[in-house]
Amino acid sequence: MKEKLGTLVGVILFTSIFCGITFLTLSANNSKSDEHTKIKIVGNNILSEQDYLLNSQLDDIKNFSNLSLSEIKSRIEKDAYISYTEVYKDGEGTVNIKVYEKEIVAVLLIPGGPYLITSKFDLIPMNKNSDISNLPVIINATLSEEEINNHNTKNPQIICAFKIIDAVKFVGEDMYKDLAEINLRSGGEVIVKFSDVSFPVILGRNAEGEKILVLSCIWNGIKNQDELFKNCNYVDLRFSNKIFIGNPVSIEISG
């Protein structure tokens, strides 16, 4: 009986020691696996990977090596350009972050700017390293001080600009990629400029979508510099069912 009891105690003691060693080993391995050695960002367009890491103070390994994934996610999502992220590890020390940027519609040039304006009319102060090469620029918009301070605007002038952008997108990628500037002229006659087109297009006000569709009918001629447009100084679409081509007479288009 005593021998059996001694054997049982020995087994229990050995098992306890073995379990303890296993636990410590696993704990050490887990602790090591929780240390991150690299962060990789994908899905970004407006800012580079390095800019996002720098803005989130995740550019140096000593700043993120022991952070949890949720802490890393929280830091990245504080960036004004980010809508949300997906964060996961690859099992080899690299933290992968897929970022989903906010939908940026245009660059807005106003006092205190420039700003990027989102599809929800939010104003985001523009980072100097932002890639805005594919975005149209909105100028001469009249915004209230409250709108600027609240970083959100949905006034008639901005809505007008959005209608123009949406209509150009609807017409097609060729016209949209050439859309360079929408001059709202502080509520006056709207003027649009396209890259690689030497003259402006006067849209006026109202019926923006219809006027862009009319413009699309002569777009190939404009781009190909057909005879009609070789000496053109402007295209005027202010008047219903009429297209005027020539020199500006009744409107100053430099403002």
C-alpha atoms as a PDB file:
ATOM      1  CA  MET A   1       0.000   0.000   0.000  1.00  0.00           C
ATOM      2  CA  LYS A   2       2.786   2.388   0.916  1.00  0.00           C
ATOM      3  CA  GLU A   3       4.621   1.487  -2.295  1.00  0.00           C
ATOM      4  CA  LYS A   4       1.524   2.256  -4.377  1.00  0.00           C
ATOM      5  CA  LEU A   5       1.020   5.529  -2.547  1.00  0.00           C
ATOM      6  CA  GLY A   6       4.677   6.460  -3.131  1.00  0.00           C
ATOM      7  CA  THR A   7       4.348   5.639  -6.814  1.00  0.00           C
ATOM      8  CA  LEU A   8       1.148   7.725  -7.116  1.00  0.00           C
ATOM      9  CA  VAL A   9       2.784  10.704  -5.411  1.00  0.00           C
ATOM     10  CA  GLY A  10       5.785  10.368  -7.726  1.00  0.00           C
ATOM     11  CA  VAL A  11       3.538  10.322 -10.823  1.00  0.00           C
ATOM     12  CA  ILE A  12       1.610  13.337  -9.627  1.00  0.00           C
ATOM     13  CA  LEU A  13       4.815  15.213  -8.849  1.00  0.00           C
ATOM     14  CA  PHE A  14       6.344  14.349 -12.232  1.00  0.00           C
ATOM     15  CA  THR A  15       3.168  15.353 -14.033  1.00  0.00           C
ATOM     16  CA  SER A  16       3.066  18.665 -12.168  1.00  0.00           C
ATOM     17  CA  ILE A  17       6.685  19.418 -13.028  1.00  0.00           C
ATOM     18  CA  PHE A  18       6.132  18.463 -16.698  1.00  0.00           C
ATOM     19  CA  CYS A  19       3.006  20.626 -16.962  1.00  0.00           C
ATOM     20  CA  GLY A  20       4.833  23.523 -15.335  1.00  0.00           C
ATOM     21  CA  ILE A  21       7.707  23.312 -17.779  1.00  0.00           C
ATOM     22  CA  THR A  22       5.303  23.056 -20.717  1.00  0.00           C
ATOM     23  CA  PHE A  23       3.347  26.084 -19.501  1.00  0.00           C
ATOM     24  CA  LEU A  24       6.496  28.173 -19.097  1.00  0.00           C
ATOM     25  CA  THR A  25       7.698  27.138 -22.557  1.00  0.00           C
ATOM     26  CA  LEU A  26       4.403  28.011 -24.198  1.00  0.00           C
ATOM     27  CA  SER A  27       4.228  31.285 -22.302  1.00  0.00           C
ATOM     28  CA  ALA A  28       7.704  32.195 -23.463  1.00  0.00           C
ATOM     29  CA  ASN A  29       6.820  31.327 -27.054  1.00  0.00           C
ATOM     30  CA  ASN A  30       3.581  33.290 -26.895  1.00  0.00           C
ATOM     31  CA  SER A  31       5.383  36.264 -25.400  1.00  0.00           C
ATOM     32  CA  LYS A  32       7.887  36.115 -28.216  1.00  0.00           C
ATOM     33  CA  SER A  33       5.180  35.794 -30.885  1.00  0.00           C
ATOM     34  CA  ASP A  34       3.417  38.856 -29.504  1.00  0.00           C
ATOM     35  CA  GLU A  35       6.409  41.005 -30.376  1.00  0.00           C
ATOM     36  CA  HIS A  36       5.996  42.571 -33.803  1.00  0.00           C
ATOM     37  CA  THR A  37       8.985  43.158 -36.047  1.00  0.00           C
ATOM     38  CA  LYS A  38       7.329  44.816 -39.038  1.00  0.00           C
ATOM     39  CA  ILE A  39       4.117  46.544 -40.109  1.00  0.00           C
ATOM     40  CA  LYS A  40       2.866  46.349 -43.667  1.00  0.00           C
ATOM     41  CA  ILE A  41       0.049  48.543 -45.035  1.00  0.00           C
ATOM     42  CA  VAL A  42      -1.996  47.814 -48.177  1.00  0.00           C
ATOM     43  CA  GLY A  43      -5.025  49.476 -49.750  1.00  0.00           C
ATOM     44  CA  ASN A  44      -3.654  52.990 -49.396  1.00  0.00           C
ATOM     45  CA  ASN A  45      -3.922  55.510 -52.255  1.00  0.00           C
ATOM     46  CA  ILE A  46      -3.869  59.029 -50.837  1.00  0.00           C
ATOM     47  CA  LEU A  47      -0.840  58.638 -48.576  1.00  0.00           C
ATOM     48  CA  SER A  48       2.142  56.311 -48.759  1.00  0.00           C
ATOM     49  CA  GLU A  49       2.645  53.456 -46.317  1.00  0.00           C
ATOM     50  CA  GLN A  50       5.492  55.360 -44.675  1.00  0.00           C
ATOM     51  CA  ASP A  51       3.353  58.483 -44.180  1.00  0.00           C
ATOM     52  CA  TYR A  52       0.568  56.506 -42.504  1.00  0.00           C
ATOM     53  CA  LEU A  53       3.065  54.797 -40.196  1.00  0.00           C
ATOM     54  CA  LEU A  54       4.756  58.078 -39.386  1.00  0.00           C
ATOM     55  CA  ASN A  55       1.456  59.846 -38.639  1.00  0.00           C
ATOM     56  CA  SER A  56       0.466  56.986 -36.319  1.00  0.00           C
ATOM     57  CA  GLN A  57       3.866  56.794 -34.613  1.00  0.00           C
ATOM     58  CA  LEU A  58       4.297  53.264 -35.893  1.00  0.00           C
ATOM     59  CA  ASP A  59       7.343  53.941 -38.064  1.00  0.00           C
ATOM     60  CA  ASP A  60       9.855  52.787 -35.429  1.00  0.00           C
ATOM     61  CA  ILE A  61       9.888  49.202 -34.106  1.00  0.00           C
ATOM     62  CA  LYS A  62      10.415  50.397 -30.531  1.00  0.00           C
ATOM     63  CA  ASN A  63       7.043  52.178 -30.738  1.00  0.00           C
ATOM     64  CA  PHE A  64       5.007  49.161 -31.816  1.00  0.00           C
ATOM     65  CA  SER A  65       6.900  45.938 -31.002  1.00  0.00           C
ATOM     66  CA  ASN A  66       4.847  45.219 -27.876  1.00  0.00           C
ATOM     67  CA  LEU A  67       1.550  46.833 -28.821  1.00  0.00           C
ATOM     68  CA  SER A  68      -1.531  44.649 -29.155  1.00  0.00           C
ATOM     69  CA  LEU A  69      -3.240  44.394 -32.533  1.00  0.00           C
ATOM     70  CA  SER A  70      -6.175  46.411 -31.207  1.00  0.00           C
ATOM     71  CA  GLU A  71      -3.814  49.187 -30.097  1.00  0.00           C
ATOM     72  CA  ILE A  72      -2.169  49.260 -33.528  1.00  0.00           C
ATOM     73  CA  LYS A  73      -5.587  49.314 -35.195  1.00  0.00           C
ATOM     74  CA  SER A  74      -6.699  52.194 -32.970  1.00  0.00           C
ATOM     75  CA  ARG A  75      -3.625  54.253 -33.829  1.00  0.00           C
ATOM     76  CA  ILE A  76      -4.033  53.831 -37.583  1.00  0.00           C
ATOM     77  CA  GLU A  77      -7.759  54.580 -37.520  1.00  0.00           C
ATOM     78  CA  LYS A  78      -7.132  57.918 -35.815  1.00  0.00           C
ATOM     79  CA  ASP A  79      -5.746  59.189 -39.131  1.00  0.00           C
ATOM     80  CA  ALA A  80      -8.264  61.583 -40.683  1.00  0.00           C
ATOM     81  CA  TYR A  81      -8.020  59.864 -44.072  1.00  0.00           C
ATOM     82  CA  ILE A  82      -8.949  56.405 -42.759  1.00  0.00           C
ATOM     83  CA  SER A  83     -12.487  55.067 -42.556  1.00  0.00           C
ATOM     84  CA  TYR A  84     -11.621  51.691 -41.011  1.00  0.00           C
ATOM     85  CA  THR A  85      -8.971  48.963 -41.118  1.00  0.00           C
ATOM     86  CA  GLU A  86      -8.462  45.210 -40.991  1.00  0.00           C
ATOM     87  CA  VAL A  87      -5.451  44.158 -38.883  1.00  0.00           C
ATOM     88  CA  TYR A  88      -3.943  40.677 -38.592  1.00  0.00           C
ATOM     89  CA  LYS A  89      -0.580  38.918 -38.091  1.00  0.00           C
ATOM     90  CA  ASP A  90       1.124  36.570 -40.522  1.00  0.00           C
ATOM     91  CA  GLY A  91       2.606  34.387 -37.775  1.00  0.00           C
ATOM     92  CA  GLU A  92       6.155  35.539 -38.479  1.00  0.00           C
ATOM     93  CA  GLY A  93       6.139  38.863 -36.677  1.00  0.00           C
ATOM     94  CA  THR A  94       4.620  41.013 -39.433  1.00  0.00           C
ATOM     95  CA  VAL A  95       1.435  42.944 -38.742  1.00  0.00           C
ATOM     96  CA  ASN A  96      -0.619  43.361 -41.917  1.00  0.00           C
ATOM     97  CA  ILE A  97      -2.983  46.324 -42.090  1.00  0.00           C
ATOM     98  CA  LYS A  98      -5.518  46.761 -44.872  1.00  0.00           C
ATOM     99  CA  VAL A  99      -6.731  50.356 -44.817  1.00  0.00           C
ATOM    100  CA  TYR A 100     -10.013  51.634 -46.233  1.00  0.00           C
ATOM    101  CA  GLU A 101      -9.665  55.312 -46.952  1.00  0.00           C
ATOM    102  CA  LYS A 102     -12.556  57.731 -46.910  1.00  0.00           C
ATOM    103  CA  GLU A 103     -14.048  58.490 -50.318  1.00  0.00           C
ATOM    104  CA  ILE A 104     -12.419  61.749 -51.361  1.00  0.00           C
ATOM    105  CA  VAL A 105     -14.323  63.673 -54.057  1.00  0.00           C
ATOM    106  CA  ALA A 106     -12.199  66.777 -54.622  1.00  0.00           C
ATOM    107  CA  VAL A 107      -9.638  69.226 -53.344  1.00  0.00           C
ATOM    108  CA  LEU A 108     -11.238  72.369 -51.927  1.00  0.00           C
ATOM    109  CA  LEU A 109      -9.214  75.580 -52.036  1.00  0.00           C
ATOM    110  CA  ILE A 110     -10.512  78.041 -49.460  1.00  0.00           C
ATOM    111  CA  PRO A 111      -8.928  80.351 -46.875  1.00  0.00           C
ATOM    112  CA  GLY A 112      -7.238  78.212 -44.267  1.00  0.00           C
ATOM    113  CA  GLY A 113      -7.031  75.325 -46.726  1.00  0.00           C
ATOM    114  CA  PRO A 114      -6.477  73.395 -48.819  1.00  0.00           C
ATOM    115  CA  TYR A 115      -8.911  70.724 -47.717  1.00  0.00           C
ATOM    116  CA  LEU A 116      -9.959  67.380 -49.076  1.00  0.00           C
ATOM    117  CA  ILE A 117     -13.725  67.028 -49.228  1.00  0.00           C
ATOM    118  CA  THR A 118     -15.339  63.609 -48.823  1.00  0.00           C
ATOM    119  CA  SER A 119     -18.496  62.135 -50.310  1.00  0.00           C
ATOM    120  CA  LYS A 120     -20.187  62.973 -46.981  1.00  0.00           C
ATOM    121  CA  PHE A 121     -19.157  66.641 -47.304  1.00  0.00           C
ATOM    122  CA  ASP A 122     -16.553  66.341 -44.552  1.00  0.00           C
ATOM    123  CA  LEU A 123     -13.577  68.680 -44.791  1.00  0.00           C
ATOM    124  CA  ILE A 124     -10.181  67.150 -44.025  1.00  0.00           C
ATOM    125  CA  PRO A 125      -7.088  69.362 -43.790  1.00  0.00           C
ATOM    126  CA  MET A 126      -4.826  68.148 -46.573  1.00  0.00           C
ATOM    127  CA  ASN A 127      -1.564  66.446 -45.687  1.00  0.00           C
ATOM    128  CA  LYS A 128       1.261  67.944 -47.774  1.00  0.00           C
ATOM    129  CA  ASN A 129       2.248  64.480 -49.034  1.00  0.00           C
ATOM    130  CA  SER A 130      -1.230  63.596 -50.290  1.00  0.00           C
ATOM    131  CA  ASP A 131      -1.559  62.195 -53.804  1.00  0.00           C
ATOM    132  CA  ILE A 132      -4.263  64.409 -55.357  1.00  0.00           C
ATOM    133  CA  SER A 133      -3.259  63.878 -58.983  1.00  0.00           C
ATOM    134  CA  ASN A 134      -6.594  62.257 -59.861  1.00  0.00           C
ATOM    135  CA  LEU A 135      -8.823  64.711 -58.002  1.00  0.00           C
ATOM    136  CA  PRO A 136     -10.566  67.795 -59.420  1.00  0.00           C
ATOM    137  CA  VAL A 137     -10.050  71.109 -57.630  1.00  0.00           C
ATOM    138  CA  ILE A 138     -12.955  73.278 -56.439  1.00  0.00           C
ATOM    139  CA  ILE A 139     -12.188  76.987 -56.136  1.00  0.00           C
ATOM    140  CA  ASN A 140     -14.014  80.177 -55.150  1.00  0.00           C
ATOM    141  CA  ALA A 141     -16.620  78.474 -52.968  1.00  0.00           C
ATOM    142  CA  THR A 142     -18.289  80.616 -50.326  1.00  0.00           C
ATOM    143  CA  LEU A 143     -18.307  78.785 -47.003  1.00  0.00           C
ATOM    144  CA  SER A 144     -19.397  80.080 -43.647  1.00  0.00           C
ATOM    145  CA  GLU A 145     -16.980  80.222 -40.742  1.00  0.00           C
ATOM    146  CA  GLU A 146     -19.151  77.679 -38.939  1.00  0.00           C
ATOM    147  CA  GLU A 147     -18.893  75.207 -41.834  1.00  0.00           C
ATOM    148  CA  ILE A 148     -15.124  75.503 -41.913  1.00  0.00           C
ATOM    149  CA  ASN A 149     -14.776  75.180 -38.126  1.00  0.00           C
ATOM    150  CA  ASN A 150     -17.078  72.140 -38.076  1.00  0.00           C
ATOM    151  CA  HIS A 151     -15.163  70.585 -40.983  1.00  0.00           C
ATOM    152  CA  ASN A 152     -18.393  69.845 -42.785  1.00  0.00           C
ATOM    153  CA  THR A 153     -20.225  71.649 -45.542  1.00  0.00           C
ATOM    154  CA  LYS A 154     -23.257  70.856 -47.633  1.00  0.00           C
ATOM    155  CA  ASN A 155     -24.222  74.224 -49.025  1.00  0.00           C
ATOM    156  CA  PRO A 156     -25.724  74.787 -52.512  1.00  0.00           C
ATOM    157  CA  GLN A 157     -22.389  75.699 -54.093  1.00  0.00           C
ATOM    158  CA  ILE A 158     -20.647  72.498 -52.985  1.00  0.00           C
ATOM    159  CA  ILE A 159     -23.688  70.444 -53.991  1.00  0.00           C
ATOM    160  CA  CYS A 160     -23.462  72.064 -57.433  1.00  0.00           C
ATOM    161  CA  ALA A 161     -19.813  71.025 -57.715  1.00  0.00           C
ATOM    162  CA  PHE A 162     -20.668  67.472 -56.653  1.00  0.00           C
ATOM    163  CA  LYS A 163     -23.391  67.275 -59.317  1.00  0.00           C
ATOM    164  CA  ILE A 164     -20.870  68.281 -61.962  1.00  0.00           C
ATOM    165  CA  ILE A 165     -18.358  65.679 -60.760  1.00  0.00           C
ATOM    166  CA  ASP A 166     -21.018  62.943 -60.636  1.00  0.00           C
ATOM    167  CA  ALA A 167     -22.236  63.830 -64.125  1.00  0.00           C
ATOM    168  CA  VAL A 168     -18.718  63.767 -65.557  1.00  0.00           C
ATOM    169  CA  LYS A 169     -18.110  60.364 -63.929  1.00  0.00           C
ATOM    170  CA  PHE A 170     -21.369  59.116 -65.459  1.00  0.00           C
ATOM    171  CA  VAL A 171     -20.332  60.272 -68.921  1.00  0.00           C
ATOM    172  CA  GLY A 172     -17.125  58.265 -68.728  1.00  0.00           C
ATOM    173  CA  GLU A 173     -13.592  57.847 -67.478  1.00  0.00           C
ATOM    174  CA  ASP A 174     -12.057  59.780 -70.379  1.00  0.00           C
ATOM    175  CA  MET A 175     -13.796  63.014 -69.442  1.00  0.00           C
ATOM    176  CA  TYR A 176     -13.451  62.473 -65.691  1.00  0.00           C
ATOM    177  CA  LYS A 177      -9.681  61.996 -65.771  1.00  0.00           C
ATOM    178  CA  ASP A 178      -9.418  65.361 -67.583  1.00  0.00           C
ATOM    179  CA  LEU A 179     -11.638  67.254 -65.131  1.00  0.00           C
ATOM    180  CA  ALA A 180      -9.221  69.704 -63.547  1.00  0.00           C
ATOM    181  CA  GLU A 181     -11.078  72.623 -61.950  1.00  0.00           C
ATOM    182  CA  ILE A 182     -14.570  73.749 -60.989  1.00  0.00           C
ATOM    183  CA  ASN A 183     -14.716  77.486 -60.417  1.00  0.00           C
ATOM    184  CA  LEU A 184     -17.858  78.249 -58.410  1.00  0.00           C
ATOM    185  CA  ARG A 185     -17.170  81.979 -58.621  1.00  0.00           C
ATOM    186  CA  SER A 186     -18.752  82.640 -55.209  1.00  0.00           C
ATOM    187  CA  GLY A 187     -22.213  81.686 -56.416  1.00  0.00           C
ATOM    188  CA  GLY A 188     -21.858  83.200 -59.893  1.00  0.00           C
ATOM    189  CA  GLU A 189     -21.695  81.500 -63.282  1.00  0.00           C
ATOM    190  CA  VAL A 190     -19.836  78.218 -62.891  1.00  0.00           C
ATOM    191  CA  ILE A 191     -16.791  77.658 -65.103  1.00  0.00           C
ATOM    192  CA  VAL A 192     -15.144  74.276 -65.627  1.00  0.00           C
ATOM    193  CA  LYS A 193     -11.651  73.586 -66.904  1.00  0.00           C
ATOM    194  CA  PHE A 194     -10.220  70.354 -68.268  1.00  0.00           C
ATOM    195  CA  SER A 195      -6.585  69.333 -68.546  1.00  0.00           C
ATOM    196  CA  ASP A 196      -5.307  69.178 -72.130  1.00  0.00           C
ATOM    197  CA  VAL A 197      -8.096  71.544 -73.190  1.00  0.00           C
ATOM    198  CA  SER A 198      -6.883  75.105 -73.713  1.00  0.00           C
ATOM    199  CA  PHE A 199     -10.225  76.844 -73.177  1.00  0.00           C
ATOM    200  CA  PRO A 200     -12.799  76.855 -70.352  1.00  0.00           C
ATOM    201  CA  VAL A 201     -16.387  75.622 -70.421  1.00  0.00           C
ATOM    202  CA  ILE A 202     -19.007  78.014 -69.049  1.00  0.00           C
ATOM    203  CA  LEU A 203     -21.795  75.982 -67.435  1.00  0.00           C
ATOM    204  CA  GLY A 204     -23.667  78.798 -65.728  1.00  0.00           C
ATOM    205  CA  ARG A 205     -25.974  77.615 -62.976  1.00  0.00           C
ATOM    206  CA  ASN A 206     -28.586  74.829 -62.627  1.00  0.00           C
ATOM    207  CA  ALA A 207     -29.169  71.737 -64.804  1.00  0.00           C
ATOM    208  CA  GLU A 208     -25.524  70.766 -64.353  1.00  0.00           C
ATOM    209  CA  GLY A 209     -26.084  67.134 -65.335  1.00  0.00           C
ATOM    210  CA  GLU A 210     -27.898  67.995 -68.561  1.00  0.00           C
ATOM    211  CA  LYS A 211     -25.172  70.433 -69.568  1.00  0.00           C
ATOM    212  CA  ILE A 212     -22.430  67.871 -68.989  1.00  0.00           C
ATOM    213  CA  LEU A 213     -24.351  65.427 -71.196  1.00  0.00           C
ATOM    214  CA  VAL A 214     -24.515  68.090 -73.913  1.00  0.00           C
ATOM    215  CA  LEU A 215     -20.782  68.666 -73.507  1.00  0.00           C
ATOM    216  CA  SER A 216     -20.176  64.933 -73.935  1.00  0.00           C
ATOM    217  CA  CYS A 217     -21.741  65.131 -77.398  1.00  0.00           C
ATOM    218  CA  ILE A 218     -18.927  67.391 -78.617  1.00  0.00           C
ATOM    219  CA  TRP A 219     -16.197  66.020 -76.360  1.00  0.00           C
ATOM    220  CA  ASN A 220     -14.446  63.966 -79.024  1.00  0.00           C
ATOM    221  CA  GLY A 221     -14.305  67.021 -81.274  1.00  0.00           C
ATOM    222  CA  ILE A 222     -12.798  69.077 -78.462  1.00  0.00           C
ATOM    223  CA  LYS A 223     -10.203  66.440 -77.603  1.00  0.00           C
ATOM    224  CA  ASN A 224      -9.292  65.825 -81.233  1.00  0.00           C
ATOM    225  CA  GLN A 225      -9.109  69.580 -81.890  1.00  0.00           C
ATOM    226  CA  ASP A 226     -11.525  69.408 -84.797  1.00  0.00           C
ATOM    227  CA  GLU A 227     -11.666  72.425 -87.095  1.00  0.00           C
ATOM    228  CA  LEU A 228     -14.539  73.904 -85.107  1.00  0.00           C
ATOM    229  CA  PHE A 229     -12.449  74.060 -81.944  1.00  0.00           C
ATOM    230  CA  LYS A 230      -8.982  74.953 -83.263  1.00  0.00           C
ATOM    231  CA  ASN A 231      -9.371  78.673 -82.559  1.00  0.00           C
ATOM    232  CA  CYS A 232     -11.921  78.297 -79.776  1.00  0.00           C
ATOM    233  CA  ASN A 233     -11.561  80.487 -76.697  1.00  0.00           C
ATOM    234  CA  TYR A 234     -14.502  79.090 -74.760  1.00  0.00           C
ATOM    235  CA  VAL A 235     -17.583  76.867 -74.920  1.00  0.00           C
ATOM    236  CA  ASP A 236     -20.747  78.354 -73.433  1.00  0.00           C
ATOM    237  CA  LEU A 237     -23.513  76.002 -72.269  1.00  0.00           C
ATOM    238  CA  ARG A 238     -25.544  78.471 -70.231  1.00  0.00           C
ATOM    239  CA  PHE A 239     -28.461  78.531 -72.612  1.00  0.00           C
ATOM    240  CA  SER A 240     -30.883  75.636 -73.092  1.00  0.00           C
ATOM    241  CA  ASN A 241     -30.287  73.446 -76.135  1.00  0.00           C
ATOM    242  CA  LYS A 242     -27.611  75.811 -77.455  1.00  0.00           C
ATOM    243  CA  ILE A 243     -23.828  75.606 -77.633  1.00  0.00           C
ATOM    244  CA  PHE A 244     -21.910  78.815 -78.195  1.00  0.00           C
ATOM    245  CA  ILE A 245     -18.307  78.618 -79.336  1.00  0.00           C
ATOM    246  CA  GLY A 246     -16.109  81.681 -79.629  1.00  0.00           C
ATOM    247  CA  ASN A 247     -14.718  84.636 -77.688  1.00  0.00           C
ATOM    248  CA  PRO A 248     -16.134  85.592 -74.278  1.00  0.00           C
ATOM    249  CA  VAL A 249     -18.307  88.681 -74.452  1.00  0.00           C
ATOM    250  CA  SER A 250     -20.785  88.845 -71.649  1.00  0.00           C
ATOM    251  CA  ILE A 251     -18.861  87.070 -68.866  1.00  0.00           C
ATOM    252  CA  GLU A 252     -15.461  87.515 -67.290  1.00  0.00           C
ATOM    253  CA  ILE A 253     -13.921  84.053 -67.046  1.00  0.00           C
ATOM    254  CA  SER A 254     -10.669  84.820 -65.276  1.00  0.00           C
ATOM    255  CA  GLY A 255     -12.141  85.218 -61.804  1.00  0.00           C
END
